[in-house]
Amino acid sequence: MSRGMARPKRDAIDWKLVGRRIRELRGFDMNQEEFARRIGVSQNYLSVMERGKVEIGAEILLRISREFDKSLEWLLTGRG
């Protein structure tokens, strides 16, 4: 690629949609406090994640993936 050409933009992660998937994963049977405890974060931080107000770190995404048997691909994109 020549210097003057811009690189194609990668698909950006939509953190609001990631938050919705986390909320969906939590379901109606588990409150935020219990879900947050299971993944090792505060209830307040979980609330921020569910609203898509923060970029979630790899370690937390991995904890969610392992604890609830969902792929990272699904958490990040909704596919897989």
PDB file of N, CA and C in Angstrom:
ATOM      1  N   MET A   1       0.856  -1.184   0.000  1.00  0.00           N
ATOM      2  CA  MET A   1       0.000   0.000   0.000  1.00  0.00           C
ATOM      3  C   MET A   1       0.895   1.238   0.000  1.00  0.00           C
ATOM      4  N   SER A   2       0.593   2.176  -0.846  1.00  0.00           N
ATOM      5  CA  SER A   2       1.419   3.379  -0.904  1.00  0.00           C
ATOM      6  C   SER A   2       1.118   4.282   0.283  1.00  0.00           C
ATOM      7  N   ARG A   3       2.011   5.179   0.527  1.00  0.00           N
ATOM      8  CA  ARG A   3       1.886   6.045   1.691  1.00  0.00           C
ATOM      9  C   ARG A   3       0.645   6.933   1.648  1.00  0.00           C
ATOM     10  N   GLY A   4       0.257   7.348   0.474  1.00  0.00           N
ATOM     11  CA  GLY A   4      -0.861   8.271   0.361  1.00  0.00           C
ATOM     12  C   GLY A   4      -2.234   7.621   0.530  1.00  0.00           C
ATOM     13  N   MET A   5      -2.279   6.294   0.489  1.00  0.00           N
ATOM     14  CA  MET A   5      -3.578   5.617   0.565  1.00  0.00           C
ATOM     15  C   MET A   5      -3.952   5.318   2.008  1.00  0.00           C
ATOM     16  N   ALA A   6      -5.186   5.573   2.326  1.00  0.00           N
ATOM     17  CA  ALA A   6      -5.667   5.262   3.680  1.00  0.00           C
ATOM     18  C   ALA A   6      -5.954   3.767   3.784  1.00  0.00           C
ATOM     19  N   ARG A   7      -5.713   3.227   4.932  1.00  0.00           N
ATOM     20  CA  ARG A   7      -6.036   1.822   5.166  1.00  0.00           C
ATOM     21  C   ARG A   7      -7.531   1.677   5.360  1.00  0.00           C
ATOM     22  N   PRO A   8      -8.095   0.557   4.910  1.00  0.00           N
ATOM     23  CA  PRO A   8      -9.524   0.363   5.129  1.00  0.00           C
ATOM     24  C   PRO A   8      -9.822   0.284   6.620  1.00  0.00           C
ATOM     25  N   LYS A   9     -10.910   0.878   7.013  1.00  0.00           N
ATOM     26  CA  LYS A   9     -11.293   0.895   8.425  1.00  0.00           C
ATOM     27  C   LYS A   9     -11.804  -0.476   8.827  1.00  0.00           C
ATOM     28  N   ARG A  10     -11.301  -0.982   9.938  1.00  0.00           N
ATOM     29  CA  ARG A  10     -11.782  -2.246  10.472  1.00  0.00           C
ATOM     30  C   ARG A  10     -13.159  -2.023  11.074  1.00  0.00           C
ATOM     31  N   ASP A  11     -13.888  -3.124  11.201  1.00  0.00           N
ATOM     32  CA  ASP A  11     -15.183  -3.029  11.856  1.00  0.00           C
ATOM     33  C   ASP A  11     -14.970  -2.608  13.304  1.00  0.00           C
ATOM     34  N   ALA A  12     -15.550  -1.511  13.664  1.00  0.00           N
ATOM     35  CA  ALA A  12     -15.443  -1.034  15.046  1.00  0.00           C
ATOM     36  C   ALA A  12     -16.395  -1.838  15.923  1.00  0.00           C
ATOM     37  N   ILE A  13     -16.014  -2.021  17.163  1.00  0.00           N
ATOM     38  CA  ILE A  13     -16.873  -2.727  18.107  1.00  0.00           C
ATOM     39  C   ILE A  13     -17.927  -1.757  18.608  1.00  0.00           C
ATOM     40  N   ASP A  14     -19.168  -2.147  18.520  1.00  0.00           N
ATOM     41  CA  ASP A  14     -20.278  -1.340  19.023  1.00  0.00           C
ATOM     42  C   ASP A  14     -20.521  -1.751  20.478  1.00  0.00           C
ATOM     43  N   TRP A  15     -20.010  -0.946  21.398  1.00  0.00           N
ATOM     44  CA  TRP A  15     -20.067  -1.310  22.816  1.00  0.00           C
ATOM     45  C   TRP A  15     -21.491  -1.299  23.357  1.00  0.00           C
ATOM     46  N   LYS A  16     -22.372  -0.518  22.754  1.00  0.00           N
ATOM     47  CA  LYS A  16     -23.785  -0.563  23.176  1.00  0.00           C
ATOM     48  C   LYS A  16     -24.388  -1.934  22.871  1.00  0.00           C
ATOM     49  N   LEU A  17     -24.051  -2.485  21.707  1.00  0.00           N
ATOM     50  CA  LEU A  17     -24.557  -3.812  21.358  1.00  0.00           C
ATOM     51  C   LEU A  17     -23.918  -4.898  22.217  1.00  0.00           C
ATOM     52  N   VAL A  18     -22.640  -4.733  22.551  1.00  0.00           N
ATOM     53  CA  VAL A  18     -21.995  -5.676  23.465  1.00  0.00           C
ATOM     54  C   VAL A  18     -22.721  -5.644  24.808  1.00  0.00           C
ATOM     55  N   GLY A  19     -23.034  -4.454  25.275  1.00  0.00           N
ATOM     56  CA  GLY A  19     -23.770  -4.300  26.531  1.00  0.00           C
ATOM     57  C   GLY A  19     -25.135  -4.966  26.482  1.00  0.00           C
ATOM     58  N   ARG A  20     -25.818  -4.839  25.356  1.00  0.00           N
ATOM     59  CA  ARG A  20     -27.124  -5.489  25.205  1.00  0.00           C
ATOM     60  C   ARG A  20     -26.995  -7.005  25.258  1.00  0.00           C
ATOM     61  N   ARG A  21     -25.927  -7.531  24.640  1.00  0.00           N
ATOM     62  CA  ARG A  21     -25.716  -8.981  24.683  1.00  0.00           C
ATOM     63  C   ARG A  21     -25.416  -9.445  26.110  1.00  0.00           C
ATOM     64  N   ILE A  22     -24.660  -8.654  26.849  1.00  0.00           N
ATOM     65  CA  ILE A  22     -24.388  -9.001  28.246  1.00  0.00           C
ATOM     66  C   ILE A  22     -25.695  -8.992  29.038  1.00  0.00           C
ATOM     67  N   ARG A  23     -26.517  -7.985  28.796  1.00  0.00           N
ATOM     68  CA  ARG A  23     -27.818  -7.912  29.477  1.00  0.00           C
ATOM     69  C   ARG A  23     -28.676  -9.123  29.105  1.00  0.00           C
ATOM     70  N   GLU A  24     -28.660  -9.483  27.839  1.00  0.00           N
ATOM     71  CA  GLU A  24     -29.406 -10.655  27.368  1.00  0.00           C
ATOM     72  C   GLU A  24     -28.896 -11.926  28.049  1.00  0.00           C
ATOM     73  N   LEU A  25     -27.597 -12.029  28.181  1.00  0.00           N
ATOM     74  CA  LEU A  25     -26.980 -13.181  28.819  1.00  0.00           C
ATOM     75  C   LEU A  25     -27.387 -13.276  30.289  1.00  0.00           C
ATOM     76  N   ARG A  26     -27.497 -12.140  30.942  1.00  0.00           N
ATOM     77  CA  ARG A  26     -27.897 -12.102  32.358  1.00  0.00           C
ATOM     78  C   ARG A  26     -29.335 -12.576  32.520  1.00  0.00           C
ATOM     79  N   GLY A  27     -30.167 -12.275  31.534  1.00  0.00           N
ATOM     80  CA  GLY A  27     -31.554 -12.727  31.572  1.00  0.00           C
ATOM     81  C   GLY A  27     -32.361 -12.085  32.680  1.00  0.00           C
ATOM     82  N   PHE A  28     -33.508 -12.677  32.964  1.00  0.00           N
ATOM     83  CA  PHE A  28     -34.397 -12.127  33.982  1.00  0.00           C
ATOM     84  C   PHE A  28     -34.258 -12.848  35.316  1.00  0.00           C
ATOM     85  N   ASP A  29     -33.531 -13.956  35.314  1.00  0.00           N
ATOM     86  CA  ASP A  29     -33.398 -14.748  36.530  1.00  0.00           C
ATOM     87  C   ASP A  29     -32.236 -14.305  37.412  1.00  0.00           C
ATOM     88  N   MET A  30     -31.381 -13.436  36.895  1.00  0.00           N
ATOM     89  CA  MET A  30     -30.206 -13.030  37.650  1.00  0.00           C
ATOM     90  C   MET A  30     -30.141 -11.509  37.718  1.00  0.00           C
ATOM     91  N   ASN A  31     -29.948 -10.982  38.914  1.00  0.00           N
ATOM     92  CA  ASN A  31     -29.825  -9.530  39.031  1.00  0.00           C
ATOM     93  C   ASN A  31     -28.388  -9.096  38.744  1.00  0.00           C
ATOM     94  N   GLN A  32     -28.190  -7.808  38.608  1.00  0.00           N
ATOM     95  CA  GLN A  32     -26.864  -7.283  38.283  1.00  0.00           C
ATOM     96  C   GLN A  32     -25.844  -7.644  39.352  1.00  0.00           C
ATOM     97  N   GLU A  33     -26.251  -7.605  40.596  1.00  0.00           N
ATOM     98  CA  GLU A  33     -25.318  -7.894  41.690  1.00  0.00           C
ATOM     99  C   GLU A  33     -24.749  -9.308  41.572  1.00  0.00           C
ATOM    100  N   GLU A  34     -25.601 -10.286  41.307  1.00  0.00           N
ATOM    101  CA  GLU A  34     -25.156 -11.674  41.181  1.00  0.00           C
ATOM    102  C   GLU A  34     -24.261 -11.859  39.951  1.00  0.00           C
ATOM    103  N   PHE A  35     -24.674 -11.312  38.810  1.00  0.00           N
ATOM    104  CA  PHE A  35     -23.870 -11.423  37.589  1.00  0.00           C
ATOM    105  C   PHE A  35     -22.501 -10.787  37.808  1.00  0.00           C
ATOM    106  N   ALA A  36     -22.493  -9.589  38.389  1.00  0.00           N
ATOM    107  CA  ALA A  36     -21.241  -8.878  38.637  1.00  0.00           C
ATOM    108  C   ALA A  36     -20.329  -9.689  39.556  1.00  0.00           C
ATOM    109  N   ARG A  37     -20.878 -10.289  40.586  1.00  0.00           N
ATOM    110  CA  ARG A  37     -20.089 -11.114  41.497  1.00  0.00           C
ATOM    111  C   ARG A  37     -19.448 -12.278  40.750  1.00  0.00           C
ATOM    112  N   ARG A  38     -20.217 -12.907  39.869  1.00  0.00           N
ATOM    113  CA  ARG A  38     -19.723 -14.075  39.144  1.00  0.00           C
ATOM    114  C   ARG A  38     -18.579 -13.743  38.184  1.00  0.00           C
ATOM    115  N   ILE A  39     -18.539 -12.504  37.689  1.00  0.00           N
ATOM    116  CA  ILE A  39     -17.453 -12.134  36.773  1.00  0.00           C
ATOM    117  C   ILE A  39     -16.402 -11.239  37.448  1.00  0.00           C
ATOM    118  N   GLY A  40     -16.577 -10.966  38.728  1.00  0.00           N
ATOM    119  CA  GLY A  40     -15.559 -10.246  39.482  1.00  0.00           C
ATOM    120  C   GLY A  40     -15.486  -8.760  39.252  1.00  0.00           C
ATOM    121  N   VAL A  41     -16.650  -8.125  39.032  1.00  0.00           N
ATOM    122  CA  VAL A  41     -16.700  -6.663  38.905  1.00  0.00           C
ATOM    123  C   VAL A  41     -17.769  -6.127  39.855  1.00  0.00           C
ATOM    124  N   SER A  42     -17.806  -4.824  40.031  1.00  0.00           N
ATOM    125  CA  SER A  42     -18.840  -4.218  40.876  1.00  0.00           C
ATOM    126  C   SER A  42     -20.159  -4.136  40.108  1.00  0.00           C
ATOM    127  N   GLN A  43     -21.243  -4.051  40.833  1.00  0.00           N
ATOM    128  CA  GLN A  43     -22.564  -3.898  40.210  1.00  0.00           C
ATOM    129  C   GLN A  43     -22.614  -2.602  39.411  1.00  0.00           C
ATOM    130  N   ASN A  44     -21.997  -1.560  39.934  1.00  0.00           N
ATOM    131  CA  ASN A  44     -21.988  -0.276  39.218  1.00  0.00           C
ATOM    132  C   ASN A  44     -21.256  -0.385  37.882  1.00  0.00           C
ATOM    133  N   TYR A  45     -20.122  -1.098  37.870  1.00  0.00           N
ATOM    134  CA  TYR A  45     -19.372  -1.255  36.623  1.00  0.00           C
ATOM    135  C   TYR A  45     -20.153  -2.100  35.624  1.00  0.00           C
ATOM    136  N   LEU A  46     -20.827  -3.140  36.112  1.00  0.00           N
ATOM    137  CA  LEU A  46     -21.671  -3.941  35.221  1.00  0.00           C
ATOM    138  C   LEU A  46     -22.749  -3.080  34.586  1.00  0.00           C
ATOM    139  N   SER A  47     -23.351  -2.204  35.367  1.00  0.00           N
ATOM    140  CA  SER A  47     -24.375  -1.310  34.843  1.00  0.00           C
ATOM    141  C   SER A  47     -23.815  -0.441  33.718  1.00  0.00           C
ATOM    142  N   VAL A  48     -22.619   0.074  33.911  1.00  0.00           N
ATOM    143  CA  VAL A  48     -21.960   0.900  32.888  1.00  0.00           C
ATOM    144  C   VAL A  48     -21.694   0.063  31.633  1.00  0.00           C
ATOM    145  N   MET A  49     -21.248  -1.183  31.822  1.00  0.00           N
ATOM    146  CA  MET A  49     -20.990  -2.069  30.681  1.00  0.00           C
ATOM    147  C   MET A  49     -22.279  -2.348  29.920  1.00  0.00           C
ATOM    148  N   GLU A  50     -23.353  -2.662  30.634  1.00  0.00           N
ATOM    149  CA  GLU A  50     -24.617  -2.993  29.979  1.00  0.00           C
ATOM    150  C   GLU A  50     -25.167  -1.818  29.179  1.00  0.00           C
ATOM    151  N   ARG A  51     -24.847  -0.606  29.585  1.00  0.00           N
ATOM    152  CA  ARG A  51     -25.314   0.580  28.856  1.00  0.00           C
ATOM    153  C   ARG A  51     -24.360   0.973  27.732  1.00  0.00           C
ATOM    154  N   GLY A  52     -23.257   0.238  27.580  1.00  0.00           N
ATOM    155  CA  GLY A  52     -22.318   0.517  26.486  1.00  0.00           C
ATOM    156  C   GLY A  52     -21.510   1.771  26.684  1.00  0.00           C
ATOM    157  N   LYS A  53     -21.290   2.161  27.921  1.00  0.00           N
ATOM    158  CA  LYS A  53     -20.589   3.410  28.216  1.00  0.00           C
ATOM    159  C   LYS A  53     -19.092   3.242  28.405  1.00  0.00           C
ATOM    160  N   VAL A  54     -18.590   1.997  28.214  1.00  0.00           N
ATOM    161  CA  VAL A  54     -17.174   1.735  28.438  1.00  0.00           C
ATOM    162  C   VAL A  54     -16.704   0.649  27.473  1.00  0.00           C
ATOM    163  N   GLU A  55     -15.439   0.738  27.078  1.00  0.00           N
ATOM    164  CA  GLU A  55     -14.821  -0.347  26.315  1.00  0.00           C
ATOM    165  C   GLU A  55     -14.407  -1.405  27.325  1.00  0.00           C
ATOM    166  N   ILE A  56     -14.939  -2.589  27.193  1.00  0.00           N
ATOM    167  CA  ILE A  56     -14.705  -3.644  28.163  1.00  0.00           C
ATOM    168  C   ILE A  56     -13.377  -4.326  27.849  1.00  0.00           C
ATOM    169  N   GLY A  57     -12.567  -4.502  28.864  1.00  0.00           N
ATOM    170  CA  GLY A  57     -11.260  -5.115  28.694  1.00  0.00           C
ATOM    171  C   GLY A  57     -11.345  -6.599  28.380  1.00  0.00           C
ATOM    172  N   ALA A  58     -10.269  -7.106  27.791  1.00  0.00           N
ATOM    173  CA  ALA A  58     -10.204  -8.508  27.379  1.00  0.00           C
ATOM    174  C   ALA A  58     -10.389  -9.461  28.552  1.00  0.00           C
ATOM    175  N   GLU A  59      -9.811  -9.141  29.700  1.00  0.00           N
ATOM    176  CA  GLU A  59      -9.908 -10.034  30.860  1.00  0.00           C
ATOM    177  C   GLU A  59     -11.363 -10.218  31.295  1.00  0.00           C
ATOM    178  N   ILE A  60     -12.117  -9.147  31.335  1.00  0.00           N
ATOM    179  CA  ILE A  60     -13.524  -9.240  31.741  1.00  0.00           C
ATOM    180  C   ILE A  60     -14.338  -9.970  30.687  1.00  0.00           C
ATOM    181  N   LEU A  61     -14.096  -9.674  29.414  1.00  0.00           N
ATOM    182  CA  LEU A  61     -14.798 -10.389  28.347  1.00  0.00           C
ATOM    183  C   LEU A  61     -14.513 -11.890  28.419  1.00  0.00           C
ATOM    184  N   LEU A  62     -13.271 -12.234  28.703  1.00  0.00           N
ATOM    185  CA  LEU A  62     -12.905 -13.645  28.827  1.00  0.00           C
ATOM    186  C   LEU A  62     -13.607 -14.301  30.016  1.00  0.00           C
ATOM    187  N   ARG A  63     -13.698 -13.573  31.143  1.00  0.00           N
ATOM    188  CA  ARG A  63     -14.427 -14.105  32.307  1.00  0.00           C
ATOM    189  C   ARG A  63     -15.887 -14.376  31.963  1.00  0.00           C
ATOM    190  N   ILE A  64     -16.529 -13.427  31.267  1.00  0.00           N
ATOM    191  CA  ILE A  64     -17.930 -13.603  30.871  1.00  0.00           C
ATOM    192  C   ILE A  64     -18.057 -14.806  29.949  1.00  0.00           C
ATOM    193  N   SER A  65     -17.166 -14.881  28.979  1.00  0.00           N
ATOM    194  CA  SER A  65     -17.181 -15.979  28.018  1.00  0.00           C
ATOM    195  C   SER A  65     -17.095 -17.328  28.717  1.00  0.00           C
ATOM    196  N   ARG A  66     -16.165 -17.453  29.639  1.00  0.00           N
ATOM    197  CA  ARG A  66     -15.960 -18.726  30.336  1.00  0.00           C
ATOM    198  C   ARG A  66     -17.078 -19.036  31.325  1.00  0.00           C
ATOM    199  N   GLU A  67     -17.493 -18.044  32.073  1.00  0.00           N
ATOM    200  CA  GLU A  67     -18.517 -18.262  33.106  1.00  0.00           C
ATOM    201  C   GLU A  67     -19.855 -18.653  32.511  1.00  0.00           C
ATOM    202  N   PHE A  68     -20.186 -18.085  31.346  1.00  0.00           N
ATOM    203  CA  PHE A  68     -21.510 -18.300  30.769  1.00  0.00           C
ATOM    204  C   PHE A  68     -21.471 -19.078  29.450  1.00  0.00           C
ATOM    205  N   ASP A  69     -20.309 -19.654  29.150  1.00  0.00           N
ATOM    206  CA  ASP A  69     -20.142 -20.526  27.994  1.00  0.00           C
ATOM    207  C   ASP A  69     -20.619 -19.878  26.692  1.00  0.00           C
ATOM    208  N   LYS A  70     -20.162 -18.657  26.470  1.00  0.00           N
ATOM    209  CA  LYS A  70     -20.439 -17.925  25.230  1.00  0.00           C
ATOM    210  C   LYS A  70     -19.116 -17.542  24.597  1.00  0.00           C
ATOM    211  N   SER A  71     -19.057 -17.554  23.283  1.00  0.00           N
ATOM    212  CA  SER A  71     -17.807 -17.221  22.602  1.00  0.00           C
ATOM    213  C   SER A  71     -17.533 -15.713  22.668  1.00  0.00           C
ATOM    214  N   LEU A  72     -16.254 -15.383  22.606  1.00  0.00           N
ATOM    215  CA  LEU A  72     -15.877 -13.970  22.520  1.00  0.00           C
ATOM    216  C   LEU A  72     -16.439 -13.356  21.250  1.00  0.00           C
ATOM    217  N   GLU A  73     -16.456 -14.150  20.177  1.00  0.00           N
ATOM    218  CA  GLU A  73     -17.022 -13.676  18.903  1.00  0.00           C
ATOM    219  C   GLU A  73     -18.466 -13.230  19.097  1.00  0.00           C
ATOM    220  N   TRP A  74     -19.251 -14.036  19.809  1.00  0.00           N
ATOM    221  CA  TRP A  74     -20.659 -13.681  20.041  1.00  0.00           C
ATOM    222  C   TRP A  74     -20.759 -12.430  20.904  1.00  0.00           C
ATOM    223  N   LEU A  75     -19.955 -12.363  21.966  1.00  0.00           N
ATOM    224  CA  LEU A  75     -20.010 -11.177  22.833  1.00  0.00           C
ATOM    225  C   LEU A  75     -19.693  -9.898  22.055  1.00  0.00           C
ATOM    226  N   LEU A  76     -18.696  -9.968  21.166  1.00  0.00           N
ATOM    227  CA  LEU A  76     -18.252  -8.772  20.462  1.00  0.00           C
ATOM    228  C   LEU A  76     -19.065  -8.451  19.220  1.00  0.00           C
ATOM    229  N   THR A  77     -19.591  -9.474  18.544  1.00  0.00           N
ATOM    230  CA  THR A  77     -20.244  -9.211  17.250  1.00  0.00           C
ATOM    231  C   THR A  77     -21.669  -9.720  17.148  1.00  0.00           C
ATOM    232  N   GLY A  78     -22.062 -10.610  18.057  1.00  0.00           N
ATOM    233  CA  GLY A  78     -23.389 -11.216  17.949  1.00  0.00           C
ATOM    234  C   GLY A  78     -23.415 -12.410  17.022  1.00  0.00           C
ATOM    235  N   ARG A  79     -22.270 -12.761  16.458  1.00  0.00           N
ATOM    236  CA  ARG A  79     -22.181 -13.926  15.561  1.00  0.00           C
ATOM    237  C   ARG A  79     -21.394 -15.029  16.258  1.00  0.00           C
ATOM    238  N   GLY A  80     -21.644 -16.253  15.844  1.00  0.00           N
ATOM    239  CA  GLY A  80     -20.839 -17.364  16.344  1.00  0.00           C
ATOM    240  C   GLY A  80     -21.416 -18.112  17.490  1.00  0.00           C
TER     241      GLY A  80
END
